[in-house]
């Protein structure tokens, strides 16, 4: 064995230290890059159960360190579930800060998972323009700047909420200019519409819609305040694809009469009809996260389950509840393949139907299954919302805690209305 001189040992040690420094620097750069990714990929606020710490399921170790300079704020929500909000710093590997977030600790809600099909009846707030037609060689409505998807609120100061009201005002205009107040992309504006005389009546050359009806799936019922969440996506106009502005809505009973199987490029659908005139409750909110309101009674015999928070969801096996034949909902196997925790993301989860029985019956996800509750580890974690057109075995899902938050808005609104009435 060759003896090394003191200078040789010193040189070798120096080389090792340099390599270690380079490696440490590379690891630090990688950690900072990962932290930068999670800064945008993770939401800024969370629900957690009382007595538990904020934990996030992720590929890398992420913990939450309380901010010492921040204090907790006592809150009371509408369902009398006491809560408090704290601020903490998310840490990568326990040492690299990602960002500050807030977590609201609550008594974990227990909700009844549904899965039953329900009828949706909506009356719009105003009327929606869905198409145009030519009148005497032109189109008065289109020419004055009205566009498909516009919500007409009033004409000449008269509020309109039905096709008949719009037609009556236009017919009685005598061809005089009409001031039309409309809403477009959440902003109001006024245009001047001049009807044209054709075939014995004055016309505007536009088609409007004042109501909509369809079938979806109930996701959950909150027995504590009588609220429900369903569908997981908004009710949109079939022509314009725009979300319908809600004036009033009802929950109706439906009979499932059959289904059209999904196939590649051709999503299937549940077939059904409204069962009589009985109303089961009211719809008070139509939004990006679904439809929400109150039910007269619990629609399900299922036992309540705990709400699962988004940061607790894991990729892997889960189940959905749905009824495809009008009978009691059944449980079917799925996989949660992707989870997107980023706030404001268009879709929260990607799910895959793996249950051979369901695939044989439906070919995958069909229209009308939107709102089917997703259960993982005994907790309600989400709902199915969309089907992939070219791969109906796959679809999107929404987080259940987001839907729960929406249902609490309904509870709060109802409570405030009661207080004002008294």
Protein backbone atom coordinates (compact mmCIF):
# COMPACT_ATOMS: atom_id res chain seq x y z
CA UNK A 1 0.00 0.00 0.00
CA UNK A 2 1.35 3.35 -1.01
CA UNK A 3 1.89 5.81 1.80
CA UNK A 4 0.41 9.23 1.18
CA UNK A 5 2.23 12.34 2.19
CA UNK A 6 0.61 15.00 4.32
CA UNK A 7 0.20 17.22 1.23
CA UNK A 8 -1.42 14.36 -0.71
CA UNK A 9 -3.89 13.75 2.13
CA UNK A 10 -4.64 17.43 2.31
CA UNK A 11 -5.32 17.56 -1.43
CA UNK A 12 -7.56 14.49 -1.30
CA UNK A 13 -9.53 15.87 1.66
CA UNK A 14 -9.92 19.19 -0.14
CA UNK A 15 -11.31 17.41 -3.21
CA UNK A 16 -13.83 15.50 -1.10
CA UNK A 17 -14.96 18.69 0.60
CA UNK A 18 -15.41 20.41 -2.76
CA UNK A 19 -17.46 17.49 -4.10
CA UNK A 20 -19.59 17.48 -0.99
CA UNK A 21 -20.10 21.23 -1.31
CA UNK A 22 -21.16 20.82 -4.96
CA UNK A 23 -23.52 17.97 -4.03
CA UNK A 24 -24.99 19.97 -1.14
CA UNK A 25 -25.45 22.95 -3.40
CA UNK A 26 -27.18 20.80 -6.02
CA UNK A 27 -29.50 19.29 -3.40
CA UNK A 28 -30.34 22.74 -2.06
CA UNK A 29 -31.13 24.03 -5.56
CA UNK A 30 -33.34 20.97 -6.14
CA UNK A 31 -35.13 21.49 -2.82
CA UNK A 32 -35.74 25.16 -3.62
CA UNK A 33 -37.10 24.17 -7.05
CA UNK A 34 -39.44 21.61 -5.49
CA UNK A 35 -40.58 24.19 -2.92
CA UNK A 36 -41.28 26.62 -5.76
CA UNK A 37 -43.47 24.03 -7.48
CA UNK A 38 -45.46 23.33 -4.32
CA UNK A 39 -45.90 27.05 -3.69
CA UNK A 40 -48.27 27.22 -6.65
CA UNK A 41 -49.48 23.62 -6.57
CA UNK A 42 -50.83 23.71 -3.02
CA UNK A 43 -53.85 25.74 -1.82
CA UNK A 44 -53.57 28.61 0.64
CA UNK A 45 -56.25 27.39 3.04
CA UNK A 46 -57.34 24.06 4.52
CA UNK A 47 -59.89 22.41 6.77
CA UNK A 48 -58.50 20.20 9.51
CA UNK A 49 -60.19 18.20 12.23
CA UNK A 50 -59.96 19.52 15.79
CA UNK A 51 -57.00 18.10 17.65
CA UNK A 52 -55.17 17.16 14.46
CA UNK A 53 -52.21 18.80 12.76
CA UNK A 54 -52.14 19.84 9.13
CA UNK A 55 -50.67 16.97 7.10
CA UNK A 56 -50.44 16.87 3.30
CA UNK A 57 -50.23 13.73 1.20
CA UNK A 58 -47.49 14.37 -1.34
CA UNK A 59 -44.51 12.74 -3.04
CA UNK A 60 -42.14 14.64 -0.72
CA UNK A 61 -42.26 15.25 3.02
CA UNK A 62 -44.27 18.42 3.76
CA UNK A 63 -45.05 19.51 7.30
CA UNK A 64 -46.71 22.57 8.81
CA UNK A 65 -44.88 24.78 11.30
CA UNK A 66 -47.08 27.20 13.32
CA UNK A 67 -46.26 30.88 12.84
CA UNK A 68 -45.24 32.09 16.27
CA UNK A 69 -46.14 35.70 15.51
CA UNK A 70 -49.68 34.81 14.53
CA UNK A 71 -52.59 34.16 16.84
CA UNK A 72 -55.68 32.02 16.43
CA UNK A 73 -59.02 33.61 15.69
CA UNK A 74 -62.16 32.12 17.17
CA UNK A 75 -64.95 31.69 14.67
CA UNK A 76 -68.45 30.29 14.77
CA UNK A 77 -69.98 28.91 11.60
CA UNK A 78 -73.65 28.68 10.70
CA UNK A 79 -74.06 25.06 11.73
CA UNK A 80 -72.83 25.82 15.26
CA UNK A 81 -69.65 23.84 14.62
CA UNK A 82 -67.11 25.91 16.54
CA UNK A 83 -63.91 26.55 14.60
CA UNK A 84 -60.67 28.46 14.77
CA UNK A 85 -58.21 29.52 12.12
CA UNK A 86 -54.44 29.46 12.49
CA UNK A 87 -51.58 30.41 10.20
CA UNK A 88 -48.60 28.16 9.64
CA UNK A 89 -45.67 27.74 7.27
CA UNK A 90 -45.48 24.69 5.02
CA UNK A 91 -41.98 23.21 5.22
CA UNK A 92 -40.34 20.89 2.70
CA UNK A 93 -38.22 18.20 4.38
CA UNK A 94 -38.80 20.12 7.61
CA UNK A 95 -36.31 22.84 6.65
CA UNK A 96 -37.18 24.55 3.35
CA UNK A 97 -40.12 27.00 3.67
CA UNK A 98 -42.77 26.80 0.93
CA UNK A 99 -45.36 29.41 1.94
CA UNK A 100 -47.70 30.53 4.71
CA UNK A 101 -51.17 29.01 4.75
CA UNK A 102 -54.25 29.10 6.97
CA UNK A 103 -55.97 26.07 8.42
CA UNK A 104 -59.43 26.10 9.96
CA UNK A 105 -59.96 23.43 12.60
CA UNK A 106 -63.54 22.23 12.91
CA UNK A 107 -65.48 19.37 14.37
CA UNK A 108 -65.23 17.05 11.39
CA UNK A 109 -68.71 16.99 9.80
CA UNK A 110 -70.61 13.76 9.27
CA UNK A 111 -72.66 13.75 6.07
CA UNK A 112 -75.07 11.25 4.55
CA UNK A 113 -73.63 9.96 1.24
CA UNK A 114 -76.45 9.76 -1.27
CA UNK A 115 -76.00 8.56 -4.86
CA UNK A 116 -79.68 8.80 -5.82
CA UNK A 117 -80.73 10.41 -9.08
CA UNK A 118 -82.74 13.61 -8.65
CA UNK A 119 -84.65 15.98 -10.90
CA UNK A 120 -83.42 19.53 -11.38
CA UNK A 121 -85.85 22.34 -12.27
CA UNK A 122 -84.42 25.83 -12.67
CA UNK A 123 -85.98 29.19 -13.47
CA UNK A 124 -83.45 31.72 -14.71
CA UNK A 125 -82.77 35.16 -13.28
CA UNK A 126 -83.75 37.08 -16.40
CA UNK A 127 -83.74 35.27 -19.76
CA UNK A 128 -80.74 33.90 -21.64
CA UNK A 129 -80.19 34.58 -25.34
CA UNK A 130 -79.54 31.20 -26.97
CA UNK A 131 -79.85 31.86 -30.74
CA UNK A 132 -80.67 34.38 -33.46
CA UNK A 133 -82.85 34.37 -36.58
CA UNK A 134 -83.10 36.60 -39.62
CA UNK A 135 -85.98 39.08 -39.82
CA UNK A 136 -86.59 40.85 -43.12
CA UNK A 137 -83.04 40.24 -44.26
CA UNK A 138 -81.33 41.12 -40.98
CA UNK A 139 -81.27 40.47 -37.26
CA UNK A 140 -82.17 43.46 -35.03
CA UNK A 141 -80.91 41.81 -31.83
CA UNK A 142 -77.57 40.82 -33.28
CA UNK A 143 -77.12 44.16 -35.04
CA UNK A 144 -77.48 46.14 -31.81
CA UNK A 145 -74.74 44.13 -30.08
CA UNK A 146 -76.63 41.39 -28.24
CA UNK A 147 -74.68 38.11 -28.12
CA UNK A 148 -75.45 34.48 -27.38
CA UNK A 149 -75.20 33.83 -23.65
CA UNK A 150 -76.27 37.35 -22.68
CA UNK A 151 -78.77 37.55 -19.82
CA UNK A 152 -81.54 40.06 -20.55
CA UNK A 153 -82.64 41.61 -17.26
CA UNK A 154 -85.13 44.23 -18.41
CA UNK A 155 -86.52 45.94 -21.52
CA UNK A 156 -87.55 49.59 -21.28
CA UNK A 157 -87.29 49.33 -17.51
CA UNK A 158 -89.60 46.31 -17.27
CA UNK A 159 -88.00 43.24 -15.68
CA UNK A 160 -88.34 40.09 -17.75
CA UNK A 161 -88.23 36.49 -16.53
CA UNK A 162 -90.00 34.58 -19.29
CA UNK A 163 -90.14 34.16 -23.05
CA UNK A 164 -93.72 35.42 -23.02
CA UNK A 165 -92.78 38.70 -21.31
CA UNK A 166 -90.02 39.40 -23.83
CA UNK A 167 -92.31 38.63 -26.79
CA UNK A 168 -95.08 40.82 -25.43
CA UNK A 169 -92.82 43.89 -24.99
CA UNK A 170 -91.29 43.48 -28.46
CA UNK A 171 -94.69 42.98 -30.15
CA UNK A 172 -96.10 46.12 -28.50
CA UNK A 173 -93.09 48.31 -29.27
CA UNK A 174 -94.61 49.72 -32.48
CA UNK A 175 -91.12 49.56 -33.93
CA UNK A 176 -89.78 52.11 -31.45
CA UNK A 177 -86.28 51.77 -30.05
CA UNK A 178 -86.16 49.62 -26.88
CA UNK A 179 -83.57 49.99 -24.12
CA UNK A 180 -82.30 46.51 -23.19
CA UNK A 181 -80.44 46.01 -19.93
CA UNK A 182 -78.32 42.86 -20.10
CA UNK A 183 -75.61 41.06 -18.15
CA UNK A 184 -72.52 39.70 -19.87
CA UNK A 185 -69.65 38.01 -18.02
CA UNK A 186 -71.00 39.39 -14.74
CA UNK A 187 -71.15 43.00 -15.95
CA UNK A 188 -74.29 44.94 -16.85
CA UNK A 189 -74.65 47.10 -19.95
CA UNK A 190 -77.42 48.69 -21.99
CA UNK A 191 -78.04 48.44 -25.74
CA UNK A 192 -80.73 49.95 -27.97
CA UNK A 193 -82.82 47.41 -29.87
CA UNK A 194 -85.13 48.44 -32.71
CA UNK A 195 -87.66 45.68 -33.56
CA UNK A 196 -88.59 45.01 -37.20
CA UNK A 197 -92.12 44.39 -38.52
CA UNK A 198 -92.46 40.96 -40.17
CA UNK A 199 -95.41 38.66 -40.88
CA UNK A 200 -97.87 40.73 -38.91
CA UNK A 201 -95.79 41.42 -35.77
CA UNK A 202 -92.74 43.26 -34.51
CA UNK A 203 -89.78 40.94 -33.91
CA UNK A 204 -86.25 41.12 -32.51
CA UNK A 205 -84.78 38.05 -34.18
CA UNK A 206 -83.58 36.30 -31.03
CA UNK A 207 -84.46 33.14 -29.13
CA UNK A 208 -84.38 33.23 -25.33
CA UNK A 209 -84.62 30.60 -22.60
CA UNK A 210 -86.20 31.05 -19.18
CA UNK A 211 -85.94 27.61 -17.59
CA UNK A 212 -84.14 24.30 -17.64
CA UNK A 213 -84.71 20.76 -16.38
CA UNK A 214 -82.52 17.71 -16.13
CA UNK A 215 -81.25 14.77 -14.10
CA UNK A 216 -78.23 14.59 -11.81
CA UNK A 217 -77.05 12.72 -8.72
CA UNK A 218 -77.26 13.84 -5.10
CA UNK A 219 -73.85 13.83 -3.43
CA UNK A 220 -74.64 14.34 0.26
CA UNK A 221 -77.24 15.44 2.76
CA UNK A 222 -76.35 17.34 5.93
CA UNK A 223 -78.87 16.23 8.55
CA UNK A 224 -77.75 18.98 10.93
CA UNK A 225 -79.19 21.78 8.81
CA UNK A 226 -81.14 20.02 6.03
CA UNK A 227 -78.85 21.18 3.21
CA UNK A 228 -77.61 19.11 0.27
CA UNK A 229 -74.97 19.23 -2.42
CA UNK A 230 -75.25 17.63 -5.83
CA UNK A 231 -74.00 17.41 -9.40
CA UNK A 232 -70.52 18.84 -8.72
CA UNK A 233 -70.68 21.14 -11.75
CA UNK A 234 -73.04 23.94 -12.82
CA UNK A 235 -76.25 23.53 -14.76
CA UNK A 236 -75.47 25.15 -18.10
CA UNK A 237 -77.59 26.06 -21.10
CA UNK A 238 -77.55 23.26 -23.66
CA UNK A 239 -76.97 25.66 -26.56
CA UNK A 240 -74.61 28.35 -25.26
CA UNK A 241 -72.90 26.16 -22.62
CA UNK A 242 -73.09 29.16 -20.28
CA UNK A 243 -74.02 28.69 -16.62
CA UNK A 244 -77.70 29.45 -16.05
CA UNK A 245 -78.33 32.33 -13.63
CA UNK A 246 -80.68 31.01 -10.95
CA UNK A 247 -83.86 32.76 -9.95
CA UNK A 248 -85.54 29.78 -8.32
CA UNK A 249 -85.09 26.04 -8.39
CA UNK A 250 -86.79 22.87 -7.25
CA UNK A 251 -85.69 19.32 -6.51
CA UNK A 252 -88.01 16.80 -8.13
CA UNK A 253 -88.41 13.06 -7.86
CA UNK A 254 -87.42 11.12 -10.98
CA UNK A 255 -87.92 7.61 -12.30
CA UNK A 256 -84.94 6.13 -14.15
CA UNK A 257 -86.34 4.38 -17.21
CA UNK A 258 -83.09 3.16 -18.79
CA UNK A 259 -79.66 4.22 -19.92
CA UNK A 260 -77.56 4.65 -23.04
CA UNK A 261 -74.12 3.09 -22.60
CA UNK A 262 -71.00 5.18 -22.99
CA UNK A 263 -68.63 4.38 -25.81
CA UNK A 264 -65.45 6.00 -27.09
CA UNK A 265 -66.45 9.37 -28.56
CA UNK A 266 -70.09 8.95 -27.45
CA UNK A 267 -70.85 9.57 -23.76
CA UNK A 268 -73.94 7.71 -22.59
CA UNK A 269 -76.67 9.00 -20.32
CA UNK A 270 -79.27 8.01 -17.77
CA UNK A 271 -82.80 8.16 -19.13
CA UNK A 272 -85.58 9.23 -16.82
CA UNK A 273 -88.67 11.30 -16.26
CA UNK A 274 -90.05 13.45 -13.49
CA UNK A 275 -92.34 11.47 -11.21
CA UNK A 276 -95.47 13.53 -10.71
CA UNK A 277 -95.46 17.08 -9.39
CA UNK A 278 -94.01 16.34 -5.95
CA UNK A 279 -91.13 18.61 -4.97
CA UNK A 280 -88.53 17.25 -2.57
CA UNK A 281 -86.84 20.56 -1.77
CA UNK A 282 -85.45 23.78 -3.16
CA UNK A 283 -82.32 24.68 -5.13
CA UNK A 284 -80.81 27.93 -3.89
CA UNK A 285 -77.44 28.01 -5.63
CA UNK A 286 -76.23 27.03 -9.09
CA UNK A 287 -72.47 27.59 -9.29
CA UNK A 288 -69.21 26.19 -10.65
CA UNK A 289 -69.18 23.57 -7.89
CA UNK A 290 -72.69 22.20 -8.44
CA UNK A 291 -76.23 22.83 -7.20
CA UNK A 292 -77.07 23.35 -3.53
CA UNK A 293 -80.17 23.86 -1.47
CA UNK A 294 -82.46 22.33 1.14
CA UNK A 295 -84.40 19.07 1.23
CA UNK A 296 -87.62 18.42 3.10
CA UNK A 297 -86.26 15.15 4.51
CA UNK A 298 -83.28 12.81 4.41
CA UNK A 299 -83.32 11.14 0.97
CA UNK A 300 -81.15 8.17 1.96
CA UNK A 301 -81.13 5.28 4.40
CA UNK A 302 -77.30 5.26 4.39
CA UNK A 303 -75.39 5.91 7.59
CA UNK A 304 -73.52 9.24 7.83
CA UNK A 305 -69.79 9.20 7.12
CA UNK A 306 -67.07 11.66 8.02
CA UNK A 307 -66.01 14.34 5.55
CA UNK A 308 -62.52 13.79 4.15
CA UNK A 309 -60.40 16.89 3.55
CA UNK A 310 -58.57 17.37 0.25
CA UNK A 311 -55.07 17.08 1.72
CA UNK A 312 -56.00 13.64 3.11
CA UNK A 313 -56.95 12.10 -0.23
CA UNK A 314 -54.55 9.53 -1.65
CA UNK A 315 -54.04 8.12 -5.11
CA UNK A 316 -55.43 4.62 -5.23
CA UNK A 317 -58.57 2.63 -4.53
CA UNK A 318 -61.90 4.25 -3.70
CA UNK A 319 -65.60 3.68 -4.34
CA UNK A 320 -68.49 5.61 -5.81
CA UNK A 321 -72.18 5.37 -4.94
CA UNK A 322 -74.73 5.68 -7.74
CA UNK A 323 -78.06 4.38 -8.93
CA UNK A 324 -78.27 3.48 -12.62
CA UNK A 325 -81.59 1.64 -12.47
CA UNK A 326 -83.68 3.74 -10.12
CA UNK A 327 -83.13 1.36 -7.20
CA UNK A 328 -81.07 2.03 -4.10
CA UNK A 329 -77.55 3.26 -4.87
CA UNK A 330 -74.83 0.62 -5.09
CA UNK A 331 -71.11 0.80 -4.39
CA UNK A 332 -68.64 0.45 -7.28
CA UNK A 333 -64.83 0.30 -7.37
CA UNK A 334 -62.75 3.13 -8.83
CA UNK A 335 -59.19 4.41 -8.76
CA UNK A 336 -58.22 7.98 -7.93
CA UNK A 337 -55.39 8.50 -10.43
CA UNK A 338 -54.60 12.20 -10.10
CA UNK A 339 -55.09 14.80 -7.36
CA UNK A 340 -54.72 18.52 -8.01
CA UNK A 341 -54.63 20.50 -4.78
CA UNK A 342 -53.88 23.83 -6.50
CA UNK A 343 -56.44 26.48 -5.67
CA UNK A 344 -58.49 27.62 -8.64
CA UNK A 345 -57.65 24.57 -10.75
CA UNK A 346 -60.33 23.58 -13.27
CA UNK A 347 -60.56 19.97 -12.06
CA UNK A 348 -59.60 18.47 -8.69
CA UNK A 349 -59.24 14.78 -9.45
CA UNK A 350 -59.02 12.25 -12.26
CA UNK A 351 -60.84 8.99 -11.53
CA UNK A 352 -61.05 5.68 -13.35
CA UNK A 353 -63.92 3.20 -13.19
CA UNK A 354 -62.49 -0.24 -12.47
CA UNK A 355 -65.62 -2.11 -11.40
CA UNK A 356 -66.35 -4.75 -14.06
CA UNK A 357 -70.04 -4.86 -13.15
CA UNK A 358 -70.49 -1.10 -13.66
CA UNK A 359 -68.42 -1.14 -16.86
CA UNK A 360 -70.56 -3.93 -18.25
CA UNK A 361 -73.77 -2.05 -17.46
CA UNK A 362 -72.77 1.50 -18.48
CA UNK A 363 -69.50 1.36 -20.42
CA UNK A 364 -68.05 3.79 -17.87
CA UNK A 365 -69.30 7.15 -16.63
CA UNK A 366 -72.57 8.33 -18.18
CA UNK A 367 -74.33 11.68 -18.07
CA UNK A 368 -76.61 11.78 -15.05
CA UNK A 369 -73.96 10.19 -12.79
CA UNK A 370 -72.53 13.65 -12.08
CA UNK A 371 -72.56 14.09 -8.34
CA UNK A 372 -71.96 10.43 -7.48
CA UNK A 373 -70.19 10.51 -4.09
CA UNK A 374 -66.61 9.22 -3.86
CA UNK A 375 -65.75 7.32 -0.68
CA UNK A 376 -62.15 6.58 0.36
CA UNK A 377 -61.12 5.01 3.67
CA UNK A 378 -64.66 5.36 4.94
CA UNK A 379 -64.84 9.10 4.32
CA UNK A 380 -66.63 11.24 1.75
CA UNK A 381 -63.81 12.80 -0.27
CA UNK A 382 -65.42 13.95 -3.52
CA UNK A 383 -67.92 13.54 -6.32
CA UNK A 384 -67.74 12.53 -9.98
CA UNK A 385 -68.35 15.51 -12.28
CA UNK A 386 -67.41 14.76 -15.91
CA UNK A 387 -66.70 11.93 -18.31
CA UNK A 388 -63.80 11.83 -20.78
CA UNK A 389 -65.45 11.77 -24.20
CA UNK A 390 -62.74 9.61 -25.80
CA UNK A 391 -62.29 7.40 -22.73
CA UNK A 392 -65.53 7.05 -20.73
CA UNK A 393 -63.80 4.80 -18.20
CA UNK A 394 -62.11 8.00 -16.96
CA UNK A 395 -63.60 11.22 -15.63
CA UNK A 396 -63.05 14.22 -13.38
CA UNK A 397 -64.02 14.71 -9.76
CA UNK A 398 -64.42 17.57 -7.28
CA UNK A 399 -63.30 17.71 -3.63
CA UNK A 400 -66.07 17.07 -1.11
CA UNK A 401 -64.80 19.76 1.27
CA UNK A 402 -65.37 22.36 -1.48
CA UNK A 403 -68.94 21.15 -1.93
CA UNK A 404 -69.44 21.15 1.84
CA UNK A 405 -68.33 24.80 2.01
CA UNK A 406 -70.92 25.70 -0.61
CA UNK A 407 -73.69 23.93 1.31
CA UNK A 408 -72.77 25.96 4.39
CA UNK A 409 -73.37 29.15 2.38
CA UNK A 410 -76.95 27.95 1.94
CA UNK A 411 -77.25 27.23 5.68
CA UNK A 412 -75.89 30.68 6.52
CA UNK A 413 -78.22 32.39 4.07
CA UNK A 414 -81.21 30.50 5.48
CA UNK A 415 -80.22 31.37 9.05
CA UNK A 416 -79.80 35.06 8.21
CA UNK A 417 -83.19 35.10 6.49
CA UNK A 418 -84.82 33.58 9.58
CA UNK A 419 -83.18 36.13 11.84
CA UNK A 420 -84.30 39.01 9.63
CA UNK A 421 -87.84 37.64 9.53
CA UNK A 422 -88.02 37.45 13.30
